[in-house]
Amino acid sequence: MKKNQRLREQIKKYKRTLPFIVAKELVMIVLCTLPYALTVNQLLVPHAIVGGGVTGICEIIYFSTNAYVPIWLSSALLNIFLLVLAVFTVGWRNTLRTVWGTMWLTIWLKVVPIAPVPLLSDSFMAVVIGGVFTGCFLGICFLNNGSTGGTDIIAMIVNKYHHLPMGRVLMVADLIVISSAFFLPTIQASGMQGAIERILFGMTYTFMCSMAIDWVMNRMRQSVQFMIFTKKPDEIAEAIITQAHRGCTFLEAQGGYNKQPMKVVTTIARSYESATIFRLVRAIDPNAFVSQSQVRGVFGLGFDPMANGK
């Protein structure tokens, strides 16, 4: 009884910290969507370069209407449609953070002015630096459970029903958007060679952005295995199961020095969940010894479908 009461108190203590964690993540999402808007309005649009995703579609609308329809307005309308579609397909719980990120991206697109002269005069340097700049901050945004909506929603919906990799869906969608910009009068005005260069610049931007996101989110795309040596294995296992929603296994072990039997708690989780598990362990047993290692190819319930392991 005392053990269960102590565990409940420790879980309550952990839950009291959750509002602060959520608040920090929401603030990070707000800050990390600003560089995206800066890149679009200060680098891509002045160079007449169309990126991928819904923002790229908004650029196409902007150029085809001679700037009559602002990018922020078309972005808001398209994302509202996609968000409504997502609510009816993947559920409202999975779209709340997306609504927050989309809202602030729209606000930044409106607040940040479109530069009459690009910050970088060289188009190639603009797409390389802009792609890395945007990708790094989007990676941080995703690590804080954020999303900017757009084609991410489309990829999420397709992934639910057809189990296609989200990266592949995003790549195909971006290529379609960027290639369709070839027929814009603004692009065609630079001649055939200039139009082809603009399309290649857009693809380069998308590639650099994706590479930067992967670099920042490398630990999120992998899974981790924990080996937890503690004097409170039952409490820690219960907390991981109920709070982190991950299964645990007890390994029977013996101390090499004191020869005392002990239980070792082992669990596998997504990399972005490691912070939650560390917080739980620290709240219950600050003196626990924790080993974390990267693992690849985790298949089964809660991870990738077994078919992906072929």
C-alpha atoms as a PDB file:
ATOM      1  CA  MET A   1       0.000   0.000   0.000  1.00  0.00           C
ATOM      2  CA  LYS A   2       2.791   2.404   0.888  1.00  0.00           C
ATOM      3  CA  LYS A   3       4.515   1.614  -2.399  1.00  0.00           C
ATOM      4  CA  ASN A   4       1.345   2.324  -4.426  1.00  0.00           C
ATOM      5  CA  GLN A   5       0.720   5.531  -2.489  1.00  0.00           C
ATOM      6  CA  ARG A   6       4.279   6.692  -3.101  1.00  0.00           C
ATOM      7  CA  LEU A   7       3.958   5.902  -6.791  1.00  0.00           C
ATOM      8  CA  ARG A   8       0.737   7.892  -7.026  1.00  0.00           C
ATOM      9  CA  GLU A   9       2.391  10.849  -5.369  1.00  0.00           C
ATOM     10  CA  GLN A  10       5.346  10.683  -7.742  1.00  0.00           C
ATOM     11  CA  ILE A  11       3.052  10.491 -10.769  1.00  0.00           C
ATOM     12  CA  LYS A  12       1.079  13.476  -9.453  1.00  0.00           C
ATOM     13  CA  LYS A  13       4.346  15.378  -9.121  1.00  0.00           C
ATOM     14  CA  TYR A  14       5.198  14.501 -12.708  1.00  0.00           C
ATOM     15  CA  LYS A  15       1.762  15.577 -13.933  1.00  0.00           C
ATOM     16  CA  ARG A  16       2.198  18.954 -12.221  1.00  0.00           C
ATOM     17  CA  THR A  17       5.203  19.615 -14.474  1.00  0.00           C
ATOM     18  CA  LEU A  18       3.317  18.755 -17.676  1.00  0.00           C
ATOM     19  CA  PRO A  19       1.690  22.206 -18.117  1.00  0.00           C
ATOM     20  CA  PHE A  20       5.129  23.816 -18.068  1.00  0.00           C
ATOM     21  CA  ILE A  21       6.431  21.288 -20.606  1.00  0.00           C
ATOM     22  CA  VAL A  22       3.447  21.880 -22.908  1.00  0.00           C
ATOM     23  CA  ALA A  23       3.838  25.652 -22.547  1.00  0.00           C
ATOM     24  CA  LYS A  24       7.517  25.404 -23.506  1.00  0.00           C
ATOM     25  CA  GLU A  25       6.663  23.331 -26.566  1.00  0.00           C
ATOM     26  CA  LEU A  26       3.974  25.769 -27.700  1.00  0.00           C
ATOM     27  CA  VAL A  27       6.391  28.696 -27.356  1.00  0.00           C
ATOM     28  CA  MET A  28       9.033  26.813 -29.371  1.00  0.00           C
ATOM     29  CA  ILE A  29       6.495  26.163 -32.133  1.00  0.00           C
ATOM     30  CA  VAL A  30       5.739  29.891 -32.296  1.00  0.00           C
ATOM     31  CA  LEU A  31       9.427  30.815 -32.520  1.00  0.00           C
ATOM     32  CA  CYS A  32      10.346  28.087 -35.025  1.00  0.00           C
ATOM     33  CA  THR A  33       7.670  29.035 -37.577  1.00  0.00           C
ATOM     34  CA  LEU A  34       9.099  32.561 -37.896  1.00  0.00           C
ATOM     35  CA  PRO A  35      12.247  31.508 -39.869  1.00  0.00           C
ATOM     36  CA  TYR A  36      10.001  29.669 -42.339  1.00  0.00           C
ATOM     37  CA  ALA A  37       8.079  32.880 -43.069  1.00  0.00           C
ATOM     38  CA  LEU A  38      11.322  34.871 -43.277  1.00  0.00           C
ATOM     39  CA  THR A  39      12.754  32.502 -45.876  1.00  0.00           C
ATOM     40  CA  VAL A  40       9.604  32.568 -48.013  1.00  0.00           C
ATOM     41  CA  ASN A  41       9.011  36.331 -47.958  1.00  0.00           C
ATOM     42  CA  GLN A  42      12.607  37.528 -47.877  1.00  0.00           C
ATOM     43  CA  LEU A  43      14.361  34.980 -50.126  1.00  0.00           C
ATOM     44  CA  LEU A  44      12.103  32.775 -52.247  1.00  0.00           C
ATOM     45  CA  VAL A  45       9.407  35.194 -53.409  1.00  0.00           C
ATOM     46  CA  PRO A  46      11.836  38.044 -54.367  1.00  0.00           C
ATOM     47  CA  HIS A  47      13.815  35.529 -56.469  1.00  0.00           C
ATOM     48  CA  ALA A  48      10.589  34.112 -57.994  1.00  0.00           C
ATOM     49  CA  ILE A  49      11.457  30.646 -56.649  1.00  0.00           C
ATOM     50  CA  VAL A  50       8.629  28.317 -55.694  1.00  0.00           C
ATOM     51  CA  GLY A  51       9.230  25.897 -52.828  1.00  0.00           C
ATOM     52  CA  GLY A  52       7.250  22.784 -52.068  1.00  0.00           C
ATOM     53  CA  GLY A  53       4.191  22.128 -49.964  1.00  0.00           C
ATOM     54  CA  VAL A  54       1.149  24.289 -49.445  1.00  0.00           C
ATOM     55  CA  THR A  55       3.350  27.379 -49.168  1.00  0.00           C
ATOM     56  CA  GLY A  56       4.580  26.630 -52.687  1.00  0.00           C
ATOM     57  CA  ILE A  57       0.978  26.431 -53.890  1.00  0.00           C
ATOM     58  CA  CYS A  58       0.349  29.787 -52.225  1.00  0.00           C
ATOM     59  CA  GLU A  59       3.357  31.236 -54.059  1.00  0.00           C
ATOM     60  CA  ILE A  60       1.935  29.980 -57.352  1.00  0.00           C
ATOM     61  CA  ILE A  61      -1.393  31.669 -56.546  1.00  0.00           C
ATOM     62  CA  TYR A  62       0.470  34.825 -55.555  1.00  0.00           C
ATOM     63  CA  PHE A  63       2.457  34.988 -58.822  1.00  0.00           C
ATOM     64  CA  SER A  64      -0.446  33.956 -61.074  1.00  0.00           C
ATOM     65  CA  THR A  65      -2.684  36.709 -59.647  1.00  0.00           C
ATOM     66  CA  ASN A  66       0.057  39.372 -59.806  1.00  0.00           C
ATOM     67  CA  ALA A  67       0.236  39.564 -56.006  1.00  0.00           C
ATOM     68  CA  TYR A  68      -3.504  40.191 -55.727  1.00  0.00           C
ATOM     69  CA  VAL A  69      -4.000  37.193 -53.392  1.00  0.00           C
ATOM     70  CA  PRO A  70      -1.444  37.414 -50.562  1.00  0.00           C
ATOM     71  CA  ILE A  71       0.423  34.287 -49.538  1.00  0.00           C
ATOM     72  CA  TRP A  72      -0.814  34.379 -45.949  1.00  0.00           C
ATOM     73  CA  LEU A  73      -4.472  34.452 -47.041  1.00  0.00           C
ATOM     74  CA  SER A  74      -4.282  31.499 -49.426  1.00  0.00           C
ATOM     75  CA  SER A  75      -2.194  29.627 -46.840  1.00  0.00           C
ATOM     76  CA  ALA A  76      -4.871  30.129 -44.207  1.00  0.00           C
ATOM     77  CA  LEU A  77      -7.698  29.022 -46.508  1.00  0.00           C
ATOM     78  CA  LEU A  78      -5.907  25.928 -47.802  1.00  0.00           C
ATOM     79  CA  ASN A  79      -4.787  24.844 -44.336  1.00  0.00           C
ATOM     80  CA  ILE A  80      -8.282  25.294 -42.904  1.00  0.00           C
ATOM     81  CA  PHE A  81      -9.607  22.939 -45.583  1.00  0.00           C
ATOM     82  CA  LEU A  82      -6.841  20.393 -44.893  1.00  0.00           C
ATOM     83  CA  LEU A  83      -7.315  20.634 -41.130  1.00  0.00           C
ATOM     84  CA  VAL A  84     -11.045  19.979 -41.420  1.00  0.00           C
ATOM     85  CA  LEU A  85     -10.243  16.991 -43.622  1.00  0.00           C
ATOM     86  CA  ALA A  86      -7.694  15.761 -41.068  1.00  0.00           C
ATOM     87  CA  VAL A  87     -10.189  15.997 -38.203  1.00  0.00           C
ATOM     88  CA  PHE A  88     -12.539  13.600 -40.005  1.00  0.00           C
ATOM     89  CA  THR A  89      -9.763  11.176 -41.002  1.00  0.00           C
ATOM     90  CA  VAL A  90      -7.049  11.033 -38.335  1.00  0.00           C
ATOM     91  CA  GLY A  91      -8.972  12.588 -35.423  1.00  0.00           C
ATOM     92  CA  TRP A  92      -8.940  15.948 -33.696  1.00  0.00           C
ATOM     93  CA  ARG A  93      -6.379  14.913 -31.063  1.00  0.00           C
ATOM     94  CA  ASN A  94      -3.713  14.564 -33.748  1.00  0.00           C
ATOM     95  CA  THR A  95      -4.454  17.984 -35.249  1.00  0.00           C
ATOM     96  CA  LEU A  96      -4.428  20.315 -32.228  1.00  0.00           C
ATOM     97  CA  ARG A  97      -0.694  21.065 -32.441  1.00  0.00           C
ATOM     98  CA  THR A  98      -1.029  21.387 -36.216  1.00  0.00           C
ATOM     99  CA  VAL A  99      -3.712  24.067 -35.758  1.00  0.00           C
ATOM    100  CA  TRP A 100      -1.376  25.987 -33.426  1.00  0.00           C
ATOM    101  CA  GLY A 101       1.601  25.759 -35.798  1.00  0.00           C
ATOM    102  CA  THR A 102      -0.475  26.601 -38.871  1.00  0.00           C
ATOM    103  CA  MET A 103      -2.030  29.596 -37.169  1.00  0.00           C
ATOM    104  CA  TRP A 104       1.343  31.083 -36.241  1.00  0.00           C
ATOM    105  CA  LEU A 105       2.869  30.369 -39.639  1.00  0.00           C
ATOM    106  CA  THR A 106      -0.029  32.282 -41.207  1.00  0.00           C
ATOM    107  CA  ILE A 107       0.488  35.153 -38.761  1.00  0.00           C
ATOM    108  CA  TRP A 108       4.220  35.345 -39.532  1.00  0.00           C
ATOM    109  CA  LEU A 109       3.561  35.215 -43.290  1.00  0.00           C
ATOM    110  CA  LYS A 110       1.330  38.267 -42.852  1.00  0.00           C
ATOM    111  CA  VAL A 111       3.628  40.142 -40.449  1.00  0.00           C
ATOM    112  CA  VAL A 112       6.903  39.571 -42.338  1.00  0.00           C
ATOM    113  CA  PRO A 113       6.885  41.805 -45.439  1.00  0.00           C
ATOM    114  CA  ILE A 114       7.858  40.542 -48.873  1.00  0.00           C
ATOM    115  CA  ALA A 115      11.227  42.087 -49.626  1.00  0.00           C
ATOM    116  CA  PRO A 116      11.393  44.199 -52.802  1.00  0.00           C
ATOM    117  CA  VAL A 117      15.072  43.223 -52.986  1.00  0.00           C
ATOM    118  CA  PRO A 118      16.123  39.750 -51.743  1.00  0.00           C
ATOM    119  CA  LEU A 119      18.420  39.542 -48.748  1.00  0.00           C
ATOM    120  CA  LEU A 120      20.856  37.462 -50.825  1.00  0.00           C
ATOM    121  CA  SER A 121      21.433  38.506 -54.416  1.00  0.00           C
ATOM    122  CA  ASP A 122      22.621  35.074 -55.569  1.00  0.00           C
ATOM    123  CA  SER A 123      19.693  32.706 -56.154  1.00  0.00           C
ATOM    124  CA  PHE A 124      21.666  29.542 -55.476  1.00  0.00           C
ATOM    125  CA  MET A 125      22.995  30.789 -52.153  1.00  0.00           C
ATOM    126  CA  ALA A 126      19.492  31.955 -51.257  1.00  0.00           C
ATOM    127  CA  VAL A 127      17.968  28.482 -51.682  1.00  0.00           C
ATOM    128  CA  VAL A 128      20.861  26.692 -49.949  1.00  0.00           C
ATOM    129  CA  ILE A 129      21.013  28.994 -46.927  1.00  0.00           C
ATOM    130  CA  GLY A 130      17.230  29.387 -46.833  1.00  0.00           C
ATOM    131  CA  GLY A 131      16.711  25.621 -46.987  1.00  0.00           C
ATOM    132  CA  VAL A 132      19.183  24.902 -44.179  1.00  0.00           C
ATOM    133  CA  PHE A 133      17.873  27.825 -42.107  1.00  0.00           C
ATOM    134  CA  THR A 134      14.245  26.741 -42.469  1.00  0.00           C
ATOM    135  CA  GLY A 135      14.935  23.023 -42.093  1.00  0.00           C
ATOM    136  CA  CYS A 136      16.841  23.388 -38.829  1.00  0.00           C
ATOM    137  CA  PHE A 137      14.051  25.347 -37.183  1.00  0.00           C
ATOM    138  CA  LEU A 138      11.341  23.074 -38.590  1.00  0.00           C
ATOM    139  CA  GLY A 139      13.233  20.132 -37.127  1.00  0.00           C
ATOM    140  CA  ILE A 140      13.173  21.821 -33.718  1.00  0.00           C
ATOM    141  CA  CYS A 141       9.481  22.514 -34.237  1.00  0.00           C
ATOM    142  CA  PHE A 142       8.808  18.829 -34.953  1.00  0.00           C
ATOM    143  CA  LEU A 143      10.869  17.773 -31.933  1.00  0.00           C
ATOM    144  CA  ASN A 144       8.480  19.871 -29.849  1.00  0.00           C
ATOM    145  CA  ASN A 145       5.530  17.918 -31.297  1.00  0.00           C
ATOM    146  CA  GLY A 146       4.673  20.789 -33.640  1.00  0.00           C
ATOM    147  CA  SER A 147       3.618  20.883 -37.268  1.00  0.00           C
ATOM    148  CA  THR A 148       3.120  23.565 -39.894  1.00  0.00           C
ATOM    149  CA  GLY A 149       0.265  21.753 -41.601  1.00  0.00           C
ATOM    150  CA  GLY A 150       0.205  21.809 -45.391  1.00  0.00           C
ATOM    151  CA  THR A 151       1.289  18.649 -47.167  1.00  0.00           C
ATOM    152  CA  ASP A 152       2.188  17.149 -43.775  1.00  0.00           C
ATOM    153  CA  ILE A 153      -1.557  16.653 -43.307  1.00  0.00           C
ATOM    154  CA  ILE A 154      -1.888  15.024 -46.730  1.00  0.00           C
ATOM    155  CA  ALA A 155       1.017  12.691 -45.967  1.00  0.00           C
ATOM    156  CA  MET A 156      -0.514  11.834 -42.575  1.00  0.00           C
ATOM    157  CA  ILE A 157      -3.849  10.938 -44.182  1.00  0.00           C
ATOM    158  CA  VAL A 158      -2.252   8.860 -46.967  1.00  0.00           C
ATOM    159  CA  ASN A 159      -0.015   7.088 -44.445  1.00  0.00           C
ATOM    160  CA  LYS A 160      -3.032   6.090 -42.351  1.00  0.00           C
ATOM    161  CA  TYR A 161      -4.884   4.358 -45.173  1.00  0.00           C
ATOM    162  CA  HIS A 162      -2.094   3.105 -47.452  1.00  0.00           C
ATOM    163  CA  HIS A 163       0.938   2.785 -45.095  1.00  0.00           C
ATOM    164  CA  LEU A 164       3.178   4.656 -47.506  1.00  0.00           C
ATOM    165  CA  PRO A 165       6.241   6.338 -45.966  1.00  0.00           C
ATOM    166  CA  MET A 166       5.427   9.968 -45.160  1.00  0.00           C
ATOM    167  CA  GLY A 167       8.753  11.114 -46.584  1.00  0.00           C
ATOM    168  CA  ARG A 168       7.930   9.592 -49.966  1.00  0.00           C
ATOM    169  CA  VAL A 169       4.463  11.179 -50.052  1.00  0.00           C
ATOM    170  CA  LEU A 170       5.920  14.590 -49.137  1.00  0.00           C
ATOM    171  CA  MET A 171       8.614  14.285 -51.807  1.00  0.00           C
ATOM    172  CA  VAL A 172       6.101  13.451 -54.561  1.00  0.00           C
ATOM    173  CA  ALA A 173       3.802  16.300 -53.477  1.00  0.00           C
ATOM    174  CA  ASP A 174       6.689  18.795 -53.424  1.00  0.00           C
ATOM    175  CA  LEU A 175       7.913  17.743 -56.865  1.00  0.00           C
ATOM    176  CA  ILE A 176       4.432  18.185 -58.332  1.00  0.00           C
ATOM    177  CA  VAL A 177       4.059  21.664 -56.815  1.00  0.00           C
ATOM    178  CA  ILE A 178       7.512  22.872 -57.862  1.00  0.00           C
ATOM    179  CA  SER A 179       7.253  21.477 -61.408  1.00  0.00           C
ATOM    180  CA  SER A 180       3.862  23.109 -61.959  1.00  0.00           C
ATOM    181  CA  ALA A 181       5.464  26.517 -61.353  1.00  0.00           C
ATOM    182  CA  PHE A 182       7.276  26.129 -64.689  1.00  0.00           C
ATOM    183  CA  PHE A 183       4.195  27.455 -66.516  1.00  0.00           C
ATOM    184  CA  LEU A 184       3.858  30.653 -64.487  1.00  0.00           C
ATOM    185  CA  PRO A 185       4.258  33.857 -66.575  1.00  0.00           C
ATOM    186  CA  THR A 186       6.650  35.202 -63.942  1.00  0.00           C
ATOM    187  CA  ILE A 187       8.889  32.149 -64.399  1.00  0.00           C
ATOM    188  CA  GLN A 188       8.518  32.044 -68.185  1.00  0.00           C
ATOM    189  CA  ALA A 189       9.549  35.702 -68.415  1.00  0.00           C
ATOM    190  CA  SER A 190      13.143  34.686 -67.698  1.00  0.00           C
ATOM    191  CA  GLY A 191      13.252  32.447 -70.791  1.00  0.00           C
ATOM    192  CA  MET A 192      13.462  28.674 -71.116  1.00  0.00           C
ATOM    193  CA  GLN A 193      16.851  28.395 -69.432  1.00  0.00           C
ATOM    194  CA  GLY A 194      15.863  30.785 -66.651  1.00  0.00           C
ATOM    195  CA  ALA A 195      12.594  28.897 -66.062  1.00  0.00           C
ATOM    196  CA  ILE A 196      14.429  25.578 -65.779  1.00  0.00           C
ATOM    197  CA  GLU A 197      16.888  27.164 -63.345  1.00  0.00           C
ATOM    198  CA  ARG A 198      14.038  28.440 -61.192  1.00  0.00           C
ATOM    199  CA  ILE A 199      12.547  24.933 -61.019  1.00  0.00           C
ATOM    200  CA  LEU A 200      15.938  23.442 -60.129  1.00  0.00           C
ATOM    201  CA  PHE A 201      16.430  26.123 -57.476  1.00  0.00           C
ATOM    202  CA  GLY A 202      13.064  25.202 -55.961  1.00  0.00           C
ATOM    203  CA  MET A 203      14.032  21.524 -55.867  1.00  0.00           C
ATOM    204  CA  THR A 204      17.388  22.428 -54.321  1.00  0.00           C
ATOM    205  CA  TYR A 205      15.641  24.423 -51.612  1.00  0.00           C
ATOM    206  CA  THR A 206      13.326  21.517 -50.809  1.00  0.00           C
ATOM    207  CA  PHE A 207      16.238  19.067 -50.748  1.00  0.00           C
ATOM    208  CA  MET A 208      18.322  21.240 -48.419  1.00  0.00           C
ATOM    209  CA  CYS A 209      15.335  21.808 -46.148  1.00  0.00           C
ATOM    210  CA  SER A 210      14.639  18.069 -45.936  1.00  0.00           C
ATOM    211  CA  MET A 211      18.290  17.291 -45.229  1.00  0.00           C
ATOM    212  CA  ALA A 212      18.384  19.869 -42.438  1.00  0.00           C
ATOM    213  CA  ILE A 213      15.180  18.505 -40.905  1.00  0.00           C
ATOM    214  CA  ASP A 214      16.581  14.964 -40.972  1.00  0.00           C
ATOM    215  CA  TRP A 215      19.834  16.151 -39.423  1.00  0.00           C
ATOM    216  CA  VAL A 216      18.043  17.870 -36.541  1.00  0.00           C
ATOM    217  CA  MET A 217      15.491  15.108 -36.076  1.00  0.00           C
ATOM    218  CA  ASN A 218      17.875  12.182 -36.436  1.00  0.00           C
ATOM    219  CA  ARG A 219      17.214  11.029 -32.899  1.00  0.00           C
ATOM    220  CA  MET A 220      13.470  11.375 -33.417  1.00  0.00           C
ATOM    221  CA  ARG A 221      13.454   9.103 -36.459  1.00  0.00           C
ATOM    222  CA  GLN A 222      15.198   6.368 -34.509  1.00  0.00           C
ATOM    223  CA  SER A 223      14.125   4.336 -31.540  1.00  0.00           C
ATOM    224  CA  VAL A 224      15.976   3.974 -28.268  1.00  0.00           C
ATOM    225  CA  GLN A 225      16.344   1.170 -25.769  1.00  0.00           C
ATOM    226  CA  PHE A 226      16.578   1.842 -22.049  1.00  0.00           C
ATOM    227  CA  MET A 227      18.239  -0.333 -19.446  1.00  0.00           C
ATOM    228  CA  ILE A 228      17.237   1.067 -16.044  1.00  0.00           C
ATOM    229  CA  PHE A 229      19.070  -0.176 -12.942  1.00  0.00           C
ATOM    230  CA  THR A 230      17.078   0.967  -9.938  1.00  0.00           C
ATOM    231  CA  LYS A 231      15.954   0.031  -6.459  1.00  0.00           C
ATOM    232  CA  LYS A 232      12.390   0.923  -7.454  1.00  0.00           C
ATOM    233  CA  PRO A 233      11.787  -1.190 -10.571  1.00  0.00           C
ATOM    234  CA  ASP A 234       8.061  -1.735  -9.986  1.00  0.00           C
ATOM    235  CA  GLU A 235       7.308   1.951  -9.540  1.00  0.00           C
ATOM    236  CA  ILE A 236       9.334   2.979 -12.598  1.00  0.00           C
ATOM    237  CA  ALA A 237       7.789   0.270 -14.776  1.00  0.00           C
ATOM    238  CA  GLU A 238       4.292   1.303 -13.679  1.00  0.00           C
ATOM    239  CA  ALA A 239       5.045   4.956 -14.427  1.00  0.00           C
ATOM    240  CA  ILE A 240       6.421   4.162 -17.906  1.00  0.00           C
ATOM    241  CA  ILE A 241       3.395   2.021 -18.722  1.00  0.00           C
ATOM    242  CA  THR A 242       0.792   4.505 -17.467  1.00  0.00           C
ATOM    243  CA  GLN A 243       2.462   7.829 -18.356  1.00  0.00           C
ATOM    244  CA  ALA A 244       4.726   7.124 -21.348  1.00  0.00           C
ATOM    245  CA  HIS A 245       2.391   4.394 -22.652  1.00  0.00           C
ATOM    246  CA  ARG A 246       5.256   2.019 -23.381  1.00  0.00           C
ATOM    247  CA  GLY A 247       5.648  -1.592 -22.326  1.00  0.00           C
ATOM    248  CA  CYS A 248       8.406  -2.754 -20.002  1.00  0.00           C
ATOM    249  CA  THR A 249      10.255  -5.984 -19.339  1.00  0.00           C
ATOM    250  CA  PHE A 250      11.981  -7.074 -16.147  1.00  0.00           C
ATOM    251  CA  LEU A 251      15.361  -8.758 -16.475  1.00  0.00           C
ATOM    252  CA  GLU A 252      16.610 -10.764 -13.538  1.00  0.00           C
ATOM    253  CA  ALA A 253      20.171  -9.683 -12.746  1.00  0.00           C
ATOM    254  CA  GLN A 254      22.787  -9.894 -10.036  1.00  0.00           C
ATOM    255  CA  GLY A 255      25.132  -7.175  -8.876  1.00  0.00           C
ATOM    256  CA  GLY A 256      28.726  -7.931  -9.790  1.00  0.00           C
ATOM    257  CA  TYR A 257      30.083  -6.318  -6.628  1.00  0.00           C
ATOM    258  CA  ASN A 258      27.536  -7.023  -3.927  1.00  0.00           C
ATOM    259  CA  LYS A 259      26.139 -10.222  -5.511  1.00  0.00           C
ATOM    260  CA  GLN A 260      22.621  -9.059  -4.672  1.00  0.00           C
ATOM    261  CA  PRO A 261      19.724 -10.025  -6.986  1.00  0.00           C
ATOM    262  CA  MET A 262      17.972  -7.156  -8.689  1.00  0.00           C
ATOM    263  CA  LYS A 263      15.454  -6.340 -11.416  1.00  0.00           C
ATOM    264  CA  VAL A 264      16.508  -4.353 -14.481  1.00  0.00           C
ATOM    265  CA  VAL A 265      13.744  -2.461 -16.286  1.00  0.00           C
ATOM    266  CA  THR A 266      14.124  -2.451 -20.060  1.00  0.00           C
ATOM    267  CA  THR A 267      11.893  -0.653 -22.544  1.00  0.00           C
ATOM    268  CA  ILE A 268      11.994   0.555 -26.153  1.00  0.00           C
ATOM    269  CA  ALA A 269      10.532   3.901 -27.194  1.00  0.00           C
ATOM    270  CA  ARG A 270      10.694   6.496 -29.925  1.00  0.00           C
ATOM    271  CA  SER A 271      13.633   8.854 -29.553  1.00  0.00           C
ATOM    272  CA  TYR A 272      11.409  11.879 -28.976  1.00  0.00           C
ATOM    273  CA  GLU A 273       9.842  10.014 -26.025  1.00  0.00           C
ATOM    274  CA  SER A 274      13.190   9.601 -24.265  1.00  0.00           C
ATOM    275  CA  ALA A 275      12.846  12.932 -22.438  1.00  0.00           C
ATOM    276  CA  THR A 276       9.535  11.783 -20.935  1.00  0.00           C
ATOM    277  CA  ILE A 277      11.067   8.511 -19.727  1.00  0.00           C
ATOM    278  CA  PHE A 278      14.079  10.314 -18.246  1.00  0.00           C
ATOM    279  CA  ARG A 279      11.777  12.700 -16.381  1.00  0.00           C
ATOM    280  CA  LEU A 280       9.765   9.795 -14.977  1.00  0.00           C
ATOM    281  CA  VAL A 281      12.866   7.925 -13.819  1.00  0.00           C
ATOM    282  CA  ARG A 282      14.351  11.054 -12.257  1.00  0.00           C
ATOM    283  CA  ALA A 283      11.105  11.824 -10.423  1.00  0.00           C
ATOM    284  CA  ILE A 284      10.887   8.317  -8.929  1.00  0.00           C
ATOM    285  CA  ASP A 285      14.547   7.406  -8.361  1.00  0.00           C
ATOM    286  CA  PRO A 286      17.112  10.177  -8.884  1.00  0.00           C
ATOM    287  CA  ASN A 287      19.888   7.684  -8.083  1.00  0.00           C
ATOM    288  CA  ALA A 288      18.915   5.227 -10.826  1.00  0.00           C
ATOM    289  CA  PHE A 289      21.542   4.131 -13.354  1.00  0.00           C
ATOM    290  CA  VAL A 290      20.165   4.472 -16.895  1.00  0.00           C
ATOM    291  CA  SER A 291      21.703   3.214 -20.121  1.00  0.00           C
ATOM    292  CA  GLN A 292      20.251   4.505 -23.404  1.00  0.00           C
ATOM    293  CA  SER A 293      21.207   3.093 -26.795  1.00  0.00           C
ATOM    294  CA  GLN A 294      20.027   3.677 -30.349  1.00  0.00           C
ATOM    295  CA  VAL A 295      18.207   0.830 -32.071  1.00  0.00           C
ATOM    296  CA  ARG A 296      17.020   0.461 -35.635  1.00  0.00           C
ATOM    297  CA  GLY A 297      14.324  -1.634 -37.225  1.00  0.00           C
ATOM    298  CA  VAL A 298      11.787  -1.816 -34.386  1.00  0.00           C
ATOM    299  CA  PHE A 299       8.636  -3.494 -35.682  1.00  0.00           C
ATOM    300  CA  GLY A 300       5.426  -4.435 -33.955  1.00  0.00           C
ATOM    301  CA  LEU A 301       2.717  -2.874 -31.820  1.00  0.00           C
ATOM    302  CA  GLY A 302       3.410   0.814 -31.201  1.00  0.00           C
ATOM    303  CA  PHE A 303       6.184   1.013 -33.801  1.00  0.00           C
ATOM    304  CA  ASP A 304       6.458   0.331 -37.533  1.00  0.00           C
ATOM    305  CA  PRO A 305       4.224  -2.345 -39.105  1.00  0.00           C
ATOM    306  CA  MET A 306       5.863  -5.756 -39.406  1.00  0.00           C
ATOM    307  CA  ALA A 307       5.475  -5.594 -43.218  1.00  0.00           C
ATOM    308  CA  ASN A 308       7.996  -2.740 -43.347  1.00  0.00           C
ATOM    309  CA  GLY A 309      10.712  -5.091 -42.143  1.00  0.00           C
ATOM    310  CA  LYS A 310      10.869  -7.035 -45.401  1.00  0.00           C
END
